[in-house]
C-alpha atoms as a PDB file:
ATOM      1  CA  MET A   1       0.000   0.000   0.000  1.00  0.00           C
ATOM      2  CA  ILE A   2       1.314   3.431  -0.856  1.00  0.00           C
ATOM      3  CA  SER A   3       1.646   6.176   1.726  1.00  0.00           C
ATOM      4  CA  ASN A   4      -0.259   9.468   1.599  1.00  0.00           C
ATOM      5  CA  LEU A   5       2.947  11.326   0.855  1.00  0.00           C
ATOM      6  CA  LYS A   6       2.798  14.417  -1.344  1.00  0.00           C
ATOM      7  CA  ILE A   7       5.699  14.607  -3.791  1.00  0.00           C
ATOM      8  CA  GLY A   8       6.699  17.716  -5.688  1.00  0.00           C
ATOM      9  CA  ILE A   9       8.877  17.250  -8.749  1.00  0.00           C
ATOM     10  CA  THR A  10      10.757  20.416  -9.646  1.00  0.00           C
ATOM     11  CA  GLY A  11      13.438  21.285 -12.160  1.00  0.00           C
ATOM     12  CA  LEU A  12      14.355  23.611 -14.948  1.00  0.00           C
ATOM     13  CA  PRO A  13      12.175  23.770 -18.086  1.00  0.00           C
ATOM     14  CA  GLY A  14      12.880  20.748 -20.258  1.00  0.00           C
ATOM     15  CA  ALA A  15      14.588  18.780 -17.454  1.00  0.00           C
ATOM     16  CA  GLY A  16      11.924  16.061 -17.525  1.00  0.00           C
ATOM     17  CA  LYS A  17       9.382  16.872 -14.791  1.00  0.00           C
ATOM     18  CA  THR A  18       6.414  15.634 -16.803  1.00  0.00           C
ATOM     19  CA  HIS A  19       8.404  12.652 -18.097  1.00  0.00           C
ATOM     20  CA  ALA A  20       9.190  11.579 -14.518  1.00  0.00           C
ATOM     21  CA  LEU A  21       5.568  12.128 -13.424  1.00  0.00           C
ATOM     22  CA  LEU A  22       4.166  10.068 -16.303  1.00  0.00           C
ATOM     23  CA  ARG A  23       6.619   7.238 -15.623  1.00  0.00           C
ATOM     24  CA  VAL A  24       5.474   7.099 -11.966  1.00  0.00           C
ATOM     25  CA  VAL A  25       1.831   7.164 -13.112  1.00  0.00           C
ATOM     26  CA  GLU A  26       2.554   4.252 -15.457  1.00  0.00           C
ATOM     27  CA  MET A  27       4.135   2.239 -12.629  1.00  0.00           C
ATOM     28  CA  LEU A  28       1.279   3.008 -10.215  1.00  0.00           C
ATOM     29  CA  GLU A  29      -1.354   2.042 -12.802  1.00  0.00           C
ATOM     30  CA  SER A  30       0.486  -1.228 -13.472  1.00  0.00           C
ATOM     31  CA  GLU A  31       0.056  -1.974  -9.743  1.00  0.00           C
ATOM     32  CA  GLY A  32      -3.687  -1.378 -10.003  1.00  0.00           C
ATOM     33  CA  TYR A  33      -3.976   2.134  -8.534  1.00  0.00           C
ATOM     34  CA  ALA A  34      -6.563   4.544  -9.953  1.00  0.00           C
ATOM     35  CA  ILE A  35      -4.844   7.776 -10.976  1.00  0.00           C
ATOM     36  CA  GLY A  36      -6.614  11.061 -11.606  1.00  0.00           C
ATOM     37  CA  GLY A  37      -5.846  14.714 -12.046  1.00  0.00           C
ATOM     38  CA  MET A  38      -4.494  16.880 -14.802  1.00  0.00           C
ATOM     39  CA  VAL A  39      -1.508  16.629 -17.110  1.00  0.00           C
ATOM     40  CA  ASN A  40      -0.325  19.322 -19.522  1.00  0.00           C
ATOM     41  CA  GLU A  41       0.709  18.316 -23.033  1.00  0.00           C
ATOM     42  CA  PRO A  42       2.350  20.375 -25.770  1.00  0.00           C
ATOM     43  CA  VAL A  43       0.397  21.062 -28.963  1.00  0.00           C
ATOM     44  CA  LEU A  44       2.765  20.568 -31.876  1.00  0.00           C
ATOM     45  CA  ASP A  45       2.677  21.742 -35.483  1.00  0.00           C
ATOM     46  CA  GLY A  46       5.243  19.389 -36.911  1.00  0.00           C
ATOM     47  CA  ARG A  47       8.160  19.860 -34.534  1.00  0.00           C
ATOM     48  CA  ARG A  48       7.191  23.355 -33.401  1.00  0.00           C
ATOM     49  CA  ARG A  49       5.254  23.870 -30.166  1.00  0.00           C
ATOM     50  CA  VAL A  50       2.250  26.091 -30.890  1.00  0.00           C
ATOM     51  CA  GLY A  51       0.263  25.592 -27.694  1.00  0.00           C
ATOM     52  CA  PHE A  52      -0.572  23.561 -24.624  1.00  0.00           C
ATOM     53  CA  SER A  53      -3.445  21.238 -23.818  1.00  0.00           C
ATOM     54  CA  VAL A  54      -4.683  20.027 -20.478  1.00  0.00           C
ATOM     55  CA  LYS A  55      -5.744  16.392 -20.118  1.00  0.00           C
ATOM     56  CA  ASP A  56      -7.991  14.864 -17.490  1.00  0.00           C
ATOM     57  CA  TRP A  57      -5.894  11.780 -16.778  1.00  0.00           C
ATOM     58  CA  LYS A  58      -8.839   9.623 -15.727  1.00  0.00           C
ATOM     59  CA  THR A  59     -11.323  10.480 -18.498  1.00  0.00           C
ATOM     60  CA  LYS A  60      -8.679  11.361 -21.147  1.00  0.00           C
ATOM     61  CA  GLU A  61     -10.647  14.542 -21.981  1.00  0.00           C
ATOM     62  CA  LEU A  62      -8.265  16.957 -23.696  1.00  0.00           C
ATOM     63  CA  CYS A  63      -8.629  20.708 -24.180  1.00  0.00           C
ATOM     64  CA  THR A  64      -6.223  23.242 -25.699  1.00  0.00           C
ATOM     65  CA  PHE A  65      -5.917  26.167 -23.295  1.00  0.00           C
ATOM     66  CA  ALA A  66      -2.922  28.024 -24.766  1.00  0.00           C
ATOM     67  CA  HIS A  67      -2.159  28.633 -28.422  1.00  0.00           C
ATOM     68  CA  LEU A  68      -0.392  31.038 -30.746  1.00  0.00           C
ATOM     69  CA  ASP A  69      -3.800  31.854 -32.274  1.00  0.00           C
ATOM     70  CA  THR A  70      -5.443  32.685 -28.918  1.00  0.00           C
ATOM     71  CA  GLU A  71      -5.679  36.328 -27.914  1.00  0.00           C
ATOM     72  CA  SER A  72      -5.484  36.934 -24.173  1.00  0.00           C
ATOM     73  CA  LYS A  73      -3.999  39.225 -21.550  1.00  0.00           C
ATOM     74  CA  VAL A  74      -2.441  36.096 -20.011  1.00  0.00           C
ATOM     75  CA  THR A  75       0.365  34.689 -22.151  1.00  0.00           C
ATOM     76  CA  ILE A  76       3.061  32.017 -22.255  1.00  0.00           C
ATOM     77  CA  GLY A  77       5.657  33.546 -24.540  1.00  0.00           C
ATOM     78  CA  LYS A  78       3.691  34.408 -27.692  1.00  0.00           C
ATOM     79  CA  MET A  79       0.804  32.060 -26.824  1.00  0.00           C
ATOM     80  CA  GLY A  80      -2.455  33.404 -25.479  1.00  0.00           C
ATOM     81  CA  VAL A  81      -3.958  31.511 -22.549  1.00  0.00           C
ATOM     82  CA  ASP A  82      -7.661  30.766 -22.034  1.00  0.00           C
ATOM     83  CA  LEU A  83      -7.851  30.131 -18.292  1.00  0.00           C
ATOM     84  CA  ALA A  84     -11.530  29.163 -18.518  1.00  0.00           C
ATOM     85  CA  LYS A  85     -10.628  26.196 -20.757  1.00  0.00           C
ATOM     86  CA  MET A  86      -7.852  25.114 -18.399  1.00  0.00           C
ATOM     87  CA  GLU A  87     -10.285  25.325 -15.479  1.00  0.00           C
ATOM     88  CA  GLU A  88     -13.015  23.436 -17.335  1.00  0.00           C
ATOM     89  CA  VAL A  89     -10.862  20.347 -17.754  1.00  0.00           C
ATOM     90  CA  GLY A  90      -7.924  20.707 -15.340  1.00  0.00           C
ATOM     91  CA  VAL A  91      -9.662  21.980 -12.214  1.00  0.00           C
ATOM     92  CA  GLN A  92     -12.507  19.523 -12.666  1.00  0.00           C
ATOM     93  CA  ALA A  93      -9.978  16.684 -13.107  1.00  0.00           C
ATOM     94  CA  ILE A  94      -8.259  17.597  -9.823  1.00  0.00           C
ATOM     95  CA  MET A  95     -11.550  17.792  -7.928  1.00  0.00           C
ATOM     96  CA  ASN A  96     -12.771  14.476  -9.373  1.00  0.00           C
ATOM     97  CA  ALA A  97      -9.459  12.800  -8.471  1.00  0.00           C
ATOM     98  CA  CYS A  98      -9.864  13.959  -4.861  1.00  0.00           C
ATOM     99  CA  ASP A  99     -13.167  12.071  -4.696  1.00  0.00           C
ATOM    100  CA  THR A 100     -12.648   9.012  -6.893  1.00  0.00           C
ATOM    101  CA  CYS A 101      -8.950   8.121  -7.309  1.00  0.00           C
ATOM    102  CA  ASP A 102      -6.194   6.532  -5.243  1.00  0.00           C
ATOM    103  CA  VAL A 103      -3.521   9.037  -6.324  1.00  0.00           C
ATOM    104  CA  ILE A 104      -3.875  12.689  -7.400  1.00  0.00           C
ATOM    105  CA  VAL A 105      -1.561  14.161 -10.049  1.00  0.00           C
ATOM    106  CA  VAL A 106      -1.148  17.815 -10.998  1.00  0.00           C
ATOM    107  CA  ASP A 107       1.108  18.756 -13.901  1.00  0.00           C
ATOM    108  CA  GLU A 108       1.975  21.589 -13.513  1.00  0.00           C
ATOM    109  CA  VAL A 109       1.751  24.111 -10.721  1.00  0.00           C
ATOM    110  CA  GLY A 110       3.340  26.788 -12.830  1.00  0.00           C
ATOM    111  CA  ARG A 111       3.387  30.458 -13.634  1.00  0.00           C
ATOM    112  CA  ILE A 112       0.308  30.360 -15.871  1.00  0.00           C
ATOM    113  CA  GLU A 113      -1.846  27.921 -13.910  1.00  0.00           C
ATOM    114  CA  VAL A 114      -1.601  29.991 -10.725  1.00  0.00           C
ATOM    115  CA  GLU A 115      -3.245  32.880 -12.583  1.00  0.00           C
ATOM    116  CA  SER A 116      -6.491  30.926 -12.077  1.00  0.00           C
ATOM    117  CA  GLN A 117      -7.993  31.269  -8.593  1.00  0.00           C
ATOM    118  CA  ALA A 118     -10.089  28.142  -9.268  1.00  0.00           C
ATOM    119  CA  PHE A 119      -6.882  26.195  -9.972  1.00  0.00           C
ATOM    120  CA  VAL A 120      -5.201  27.552  -6.818  1.00  0.00           C
ATOM    121  CA  ASP A 121      -8.250  26.600  -4.741  1.00  0.00           C
ATOM    122  CA  ALA A 122      -8.389  23.098  -6.292  1.00  0.00           C
ATOM    123  CA  VAL A 123      -4.703  22.449  -5.568  1.00  0.00           C
ATOM    124  CA  LYS A 124      -5.067  23.702  -1.978  1.00  0.00           C
ATOM    125  CA  HIS A 125      -8.072  21.391  -1.512  1.00  0.00           C
ATOM    126  CA  ALA A 126      -6.199  18.417  -3.023  1.00  0.00           C
ATOM    127  CA  MET A 127      -3.207  19.048  -0.758  1.00  0.00           C
ATOM    128  CA  ASP A 128      -5.492  18.619   2.255  1.00  0.00           C
ATOM    129  CA  VAL A 129      -7.071  15.379   1.000  1.00  0.00           C
ATOM    130  CA  ASP A 130      -5.717  12.288   2.749  1.00  0.00           C
ATOM    131  CA  LYS A 131      -4.370  10.710  -0.447  1.00  0.00           C
ATOM    132  CA  PRO A 132      -0.968  10.516  -2.099  1.00  0.00           C
ATOM    133  CA  MET A 133      -0.298  13.305  -4.574  1.00  0.00           C
ATOM    134  CA  ILE A 134       2.377  13.998  -7.156  1.00  0.00           C
ATOM    135  CA  LEU A 135       2.824  17.515  -8.515  1.00  0.00           C
ATOM    136  CA  THR A 136       5.253  19.101 -10.913  1.00  0.00           C
ATOM    137  CA  LEU A 137       6.341  22.499  -9.665  1.00  0.00           C
ATOM    138  CA  HIS A 138       7.797  25.499 -11.465  1.00  0.00           C
ATOM    139  CA  LYS A 139      11.336  25.748 -10.083  1.00  0.00           C
ATOM    140  CA  LYS A 140      11.806  29.499  -9.744  1.00  0.00           C
ATOM    141  CA  SER A 141       8.311  30.846  -9.102  1.00  0.00           C
ATOM    142  CA  ARG A 142       7.769  32.765  -5.884  1.00  0.00           C
ATOM    143  CA  ASN A 143       3.998  32.494  -6.144  1.00  0.00           C
ATOM    144  CA  PRO A 144       2.368  32.093  -2.693  1.00  0.00           C
ATOM    145  CA  LEU A 145       0.817  28.716  -3.645  1.00  0.00           C
ATOM    146  CA  LEU A 146       4.185  27.275  -4.651  1.00  0.00           C
ATOM    147  CA  GLN A 147       5.814  28.665  -1.519  1.00  0.00           C
ATOM    148  CA  ASP A 148       3.064  27.127   0.631  1.00  0.00           C
ATOM    149  CA  ILE A 149       3.531  23.738  -1.046  1.00  0.00           C
ATOM    150  CA  ARG A 150       7.302  23.856  -0.552  1.00  0.00           C
ATOM    151  CA  ARG A 151       6.902  24.701   3.167  1.00  0.00           C
ATOM    152  CA  ARG A 152       4.512  21.859   4.030  1.00  0.00           C
ATOM    153  CA  ASP A 153       5.811  19.101   6.293  1.00  0.00           C
ATOM    154  CA  ASP A 154       3.996  16.388   4.326  1.00  0.00           C
ATOM    155  CA  VAL A 155       5.630  17.284   0.990  1.00  0.00           C
ATOM    156  CA  ARG A 156       8.908  15.919  -0.350  1.00  0.00           C
ATOM    157  CA  ILE A 157      10.437  18.079  -3.082  1.00  0.00           C
ATOM    158  CA  LEU A 158      12.678  16.271  -5.556  1.00  0.00           C
ATOM    159  CA  GLU A 159      14.592  17.942  -8.361  1.00  0.00           C
ATOM    160  CA  VAL A 160      14.749  16.272 -11.732  1.00  0.00           C
ATOM    161  CA  THR A 161      17.776  16.793 -13.941  1.00  0.00           C
ATOM    162  CA  PRO A 162      18.708  15.321 -17.319  1.00  0.00           C
ATOM    163  CA  THR A 163      21.105  13.066 -15.371  1.00  0.00           C
ATOM    164  CA  ASN A 164      18.593  11.624 -12.860  1.00  0.00           C
ATOM    165  CA  ARG A 165      15.304  11.771 -14.782  1.00  0.00           C
ATOM    166  CA  ASN A 166      15.320   8.067 -15.638  1.00  0.00           C
ATOM    167  CA  LEU A 167      16.100   6.991 -12.049  1.00  0.00           C
ATOM    168  CA  LEU A 168      13.885   9.517 -10.234  1.00  0.00           C
ATOM    169  CA  PRO A 169      10.589   7.662 -10.914  1.00  0.00           C
ATOM    170  CA  TYR A 170      11.992   4.595  -9.116  1.00  0.00           C
ATOM    171  CA  LYS A 171      13.042   6.744  -6.145  1.00  0.00           C
ATOM    172  CA  ILE A 172       9.540   8.243  -6.038  1.00  0.00           C
ATOM    173  CA  MET A 173       7.983   4.776  -6.043  1.00  0.00           C
ATOM    174  CA  ARG A 174      10.260   3.724  -3.171  1.00  0.00           C
ATOM    175  CA  LEU A 175       9.274   6.869  -1.241  1.00  0.00           C
ATOM    176  CA  MET A 176       5.583   6.211  -1.850  1.00  0.00           C
ATOM    177  CA  ASN A 177       5.973   2.623  -0.683  1.00  0.00           C
ATOM    178  CA  GLY A 178       7.676   3.846   2.500  1.00  0.00           C
ATOM    179  CA  GLU A 179      10.941   2.104   1.653  1.00  0.00           C
ATOM    180  CA  ILE A 180      13.075   5.259   2.016  1.00  0.00           C
ATOM    181  CA  MET A 181      12.603   8.475   3.901  1.00  0.00           C
END
Protein backbone atom coordinates (compact mmCIF):
# COMPACT_ATOMS: atom_id res chain seq x y z
CA MET A 1 0.00 0.00 0.00
CA ILE A 2 1.31 3.43 -0.86
CA SER A 3 1.65 6.18 1.73
CA ASN A 4 -0.26 9.47 1.60
CA LEU A 5 2.95 11.33 0.86
CA LYS A 6 2.80 14.42 -1.34
CA ILE A 7 5.70 14.61 -3.79
CA GLY A 8 6.70 17.72 -5.69
CA ILE A 9 8.88 17.25 -8.75
CA THR A 10 10.76 20.42 -9.65
CA GLY A 11 13.44 21.29 -12.16
CA LEU A 12 14.35 23.61 -14.95
CA PRO A 13 12.18 23.77 -18.09
CA GLY A 14 12.88 20.75 -20.26
CA ALA A 15 14.59 18.78 -17.45
CA GLY A 16 11.92 16.06 -17.52
CA LYS A 17 9.38 16.87 -14.79
CA THR A 18 6.41 15.63 -16.80
CA HIS A 19 8.40 12.65 -18.10
CA ALA A 20 9.19 11.58 -14.52
CA LEU A 21 5.57 12.13 -13.42
CA LEU A 22 4.17 10.07 -16.30
CA ARG A 23 6.62 7.24 -15.62
CA VAL A 24 5.47 7.10 -11.97
CA VAL A 25 1.83 7.16 -13.11
CA GLU A 26 2.55 4.25 -15.46
CA MET A 27 4.14 2.24 -12.63
CA LEU A 28 1.28 3.01 -10.21
CA GLU A 29 -1.35 2.04 -12.80
CA SER A 30 0.49 -1.23 -13.47
CA GLU A 31 0.06 -1.97 -9.74
CA GLY A 32 -3.69 -1.38 -10.00
CA TYR A 33 -3.98 2.13 -8.53
CA ALA A 34 -6.56 4.54 -9.95
CA ILE A 35 -4.84 7.78 -10.98
CA GLY A 36 -6.61 11.06 -11.61
CA GLY A 37 -5.85 14.71 -12.05
CA MET A 38 -4.49 16.88 -14.80
CA VAL A 39 -1.51 16.63 -17.11
CA ASN A 40 -0.33 19.32 -19.52
CA GLU A 41 0.71 18.32 -23.03
CA PRO A 42 2.35 20.37 -25.77
CA VAL A 43 0.40 21.06 -28.96
CA LEU A 44 2.77 20.57 -31.88
CA ASP A 45 2.68 21.74 -35.48
CA GLY A 46 5.24 19.39 -36.91
CA ARG A 47 8.16 19.86 -34.53
CA ARG A 48 7.19 23.36 -33.40
CA ARG A 49 5.25 23.87 -30.17
CA VAL A 50 2.25 26.09 -30.89
CA GLY A 51 0.26 25.59 -27.69
CA PHE A 52 -0.57 23.56 -24.62
CA SER A 53 -3.45 21.24 -23.82
CA VAL A 54 -4.68 20.03 -20.48
CA LYS A 55 -5.74 16.39 -20.12
CA ASP A 56 -7.99 14.86 -17.49
CA TRP A 57 -5.89 11.78 -16.78
CA LYS A 58 -8.84 9.62 -15.73
CA THR A 59 -11.32 10.48 -18.50
CA LYS A 60 -8.68 11.36 -21.15
CA GLU A 61 -10.65 14.54 -21.98
CA LEU A 62 -8.26 16.96 -23.70
CA CYS A 63 -8.63 20.71 -24.18
CA THR A 64 -6.22 23.24 -25.70
CA PHE A 65 -5.92 26.17 -23.29
CA ALA A 66 -2.92 28.02 -24.77
CA HIS A 67 -2.16 28.63 -28.42
CA LEU A 68 -0.39 31.04 -30.75
CA ASP A 69 -3.80 31.85 -32.27
CA THR A 70 -5.44 32.68 -28.92
CA GLU A 71 -5.68 36.33 -27.91
CA SER A 72 -5.48 36.93 -24.17
CA LYS A 73 -4.00 39.22 -21.55
CA VAL A 74 -2.44 36.10 -20.01
CA THR A 75 0.37 34.69 -22.15
CA ILE A 76 3.06 32.02 -22.25
CA GLY A 77 5.66 33.55 -24.54
CA LYS A 78 3.69 34.41 -27.69
CA MET A 79 0.80 32.06 -26.82
CA GLY A 80 -2.45 33.40 -25.48
CA VAL A 81 -3.96 31.51 -22.55
CA ASP A 82 -7.66 30.77 -22.03
CA LEU A 83 -7.85 30.13 -18.29
CA ALA A 84 -11.53 29.16 -18.52
CA LYS A 85 -10.63 26.20 -20.76
CA MET A 86 -7.85 25.11 -18.40
CA GLU A 87 -10.28 25.33 -15.48
CA GLU A 88 -13.02 23.44 -17.33
CA VAL A 89 -10.86 20.35 -17.75
CA GLY A 90 -7.92 20.71 -15.34
CA VAL A 91 -9.66 21.98 -12.21
CA GLN A 92 -12.51 19.52 -12.67
CA ALA A 93 -9.98 16.68 -13.11
CA ILE A 94 -8.26 17.60 -9.82
CA MET A 95 -11.55 17.79 -7.93
CA ASN A 96 -12.77 14.48 -9.37
CA ALA A 97 -9.46 12.80 -8.47
CA CYS A 98 -9.86 13.96 -4.86
CA ASP A 99 -13.17 12.07 -4.70
CA THR A 100 -12.65 9.01 -6.89
CA CYS A 101 -8.95 8.12 -7.31
CA ASP A 102 -6.19 6.53 -5.24
CA VAL A 103 -3.52 9.04 -6.32
CA ILE A 104 -3.87 12.69 -7.40
CA VAL A 105 -1.56 14.16 -10.05
CA VAL A 106 -1.15 17.81 -11.00
CA ASP A 107 1.11 18.76 -13.90
CA GLU A 108 1.97 21.59 -13.51
CA VAL A 109 1.75 24.11 -10.72
CA GLY A 110 3.34 26.79 -12.83
CA ARG A 111 3.39 30.46 -13.63
CA ILE A 112 0.31 30.36 -15.87
CA GLU A 113 -1.85 27.92 -13.91
CA VAL A 114 -1.60 29.99 -10.72
CA GLU A 115 -3.25 32.88 -12.58
CA SER A 116 -6.49 30.93 -12.08
CA GLN A 117 -7.99 31.27 -8.59
CA ALA A 118 -10.09 28.14 -9.27
CA PHE A 119 -6.88 26.20 -9.97
CA VAL A 120 -5.20 27.55 -6.82
CA ASP A 121 -8.25 26.60 -4.74
CA ALA A 122 -8.39 23.10 -6.29
CA VAL A 123 -4.70 22.45 -5.57
CA LYS A 124 -5.07 23.70 -1.98
CA HIS A 125 -8.07 21.39 -1.51
CA ALA A 126 -6.20 18.42 -3.02
CA MET A 127 -3.21 19.05 -0.76
CA ASP A 128 -5.49 18.62 2.26
CA VAL A 129 -7.07 15.38 1.00
CA ASP A 130 -5.72 12.29 2.75
CA LYS A 131 -4.37 10.71 -0.45
CA PRO A 132 -0.97 10.52 -2.10
CA MET A 133 -0.30 13.30 -4.57
CA ILE A 134 2.38 14.00 -7.16
CA LEU A 135 2.82 17.51 -8.52
CA THR A 136 5.25 19.10 -10.91
CA LEU A 137 6.34 22.50 -9.66
CA HIS A 138 7.80 25.50 -11.47
CA LYS A 139 11.34 25.75 -10.08
CA LYS A 140 11.81 29.50 -9.74
CA SER A 141 8.31 30.85 -9.10
CA ARG A 142 7.77 32.77 -5.88
CA ASN A 143 4.00 32.49 -6.14
CA PRO A 144 2.37 32.09 -2.69
CA LEU A 145 0.82 28.72 -3.64
CA LEU A 146 4.19 27.27 -4.65
CA GLN A 147 5.81 28.67 -1.52
CA ASP A 148 3.06 27.13 0.63
CA ILE A 149 3.53 23.74 -1.05
CA ARG A 150 7.30 23.86 -0.55
CA ARG A 151 6.90 24.70 3.17
CA ARG A 152 4.51 21.86 4.03
CA ASP A 153 5.81 19.10 6.29
CA ASP A 154 4.00 16.39 4.33
CA VAL A 155 5.63 17.28 0.99
CA ARG A 156 8.91 15.92 -0.35
CA ILE A 157 10.44 18.08 -3.08
CA LEU A 158 12.68 16.27 -5.56
CA GLU A 159 14.59 17.94 -8.36
CA VAL A 160 14.75 16.27 -11.73
CA THR A 161 17.78 16.79 -13.94
CA PRO A 162 18.71 15.32 -17.32
CA THR A 163 21.10 13.07 -15.37
CA ASN A 164 18.59 11.62 -12.86
CA ARG A 165 15.30 11.77 -14.78
CA ASN A 166 15.32 8.07 -15.64
CA LEU A 167 16.10 6.99 -12.05
CA LEU A 168 13.88 9.52 -10.23
CA PRO A 169 10.59 7.66 -10.91
CA TYR A 170 11.99 4.59 -9.12
CA LYS A 171 13.04 6.74 -6.14
CA ILE A 172 9.54 8.24 -6.04
CA MET A 173 7.98 4.78 -6.04
CA ARG A 174 10.26 3.72 -3.17
CA LEU A 175 9.27 6.87 -1.24
CA MET A 176 5.58 6.21 -1.85
CA ASN A 177 5.97 2.62 -0.68
CA GLY A 178 7.68 3.85 2.50
CA GLU A 179 10.94 2.10 1.65
CA ILE A 180 13.08 5.26 2.02
CA MET A 181 12.60 8.47 3.90
